[in-house]
Amino acid sequence: MYRCSFCNKHVPPRISCHMVAIEIRKKIYPPRSKANVGFITDKGKRIYPLRKSRKAQDRVDDPGGVGWEVVRVKPACPECASEQKKRLGIEKLIAS
């Protein structure tokens, strides 16, 4: 049970709570050298460790990049969540 932040209704039990992003910002992630641990397989491909039984361990560079970071979220009922996402166009903004 929770209260929707948009319509201020009390939502009954067994209804899922949707967290709606109210504020997002563009984030630039710097490159990091040898940040991730990977393993070299026989074919020369790097994979991330699932087990420690792999042969050779290798440090892999993280290229960094640009992405979106959520700053604030609010709980919403399913109806208000779909309405807010359409109104804000968040799906289109995050996809671009």
Foldseek 3Di string as FASTA:
>chain_A
DDAFPPPRDDDDPPFDKDKAQPDKDKDWFAKDFLPAKWAQAPVRDTDHDPDPPGDGIDRHIGHTGMAMDGDDIGIHGPVVRVVVCVVVVVVVVRVD
